[in-house]
Amino acid sequence: MPQLQVKGQLLRKVHLATIAIAAGDAPVPIEGMVPGMAFQVLPLGTIETMDGRRIRVTEADAKQLVNDFRARKNDLAILYEHGEDITKGNEAAGWISAFEVRSDGIWATGIRWTVDAYSTIRTGKRRYISPSVICSVDGDGFKRPKRFVEITVTNTPAIDGMQPLAASRQKENEMNPEA
């Protein structure tokens, strides 16, 4: 598992929560890409994933994640299955250029999908997202997210009960690259 040393703490990359998203309005797309609505990437609070990982995300953690991202120059990649889909490899499904902290968690607000990913989402071939983050472990044994590595489109959500990915029906014709 990839590791990173930050301020004396050993951090490990983990694939975190899987949260639902919807394609919709967003910043102006670049050529060959489709805009997407803001979506929740990570909720605040204590999370137990389907595989038993215990994660705690406080408002301070959320602000640190967003500030860390803002300090970077590159957008964050949205991959297929954390880059482990043998048909897609590390091919991007989209890019995130902005995040914000809201009362219920961290939201991606600057999303651009590739046409292929938009079609995949619209047809239900991929239904959820999952952030991959570098974490530390606190004194209570909870993983605490410190840095986004990538976000992924997946069919295997780590958090039970999340809403599935769905294309926006209100703006479908505006967003459909073939319309």
Foldseek 3Di string as FASTA:
>chain_A
DDWDADPNFIWDKDWAFKAFFEADDAPDADPQKFGGAKTAADWAAWAQWPVGAIAHEHLVLQVLAQVVLVVDDDWAFAAAPCLPPPVQRRPGQWTADHWDADPTHIMGGHIIGGLVSVVCLAVVVFWIKIWIFIFGADPVRHTRGRYTRHMYGHNDGGGPPHGTYHYDPVCCVVRNPVD
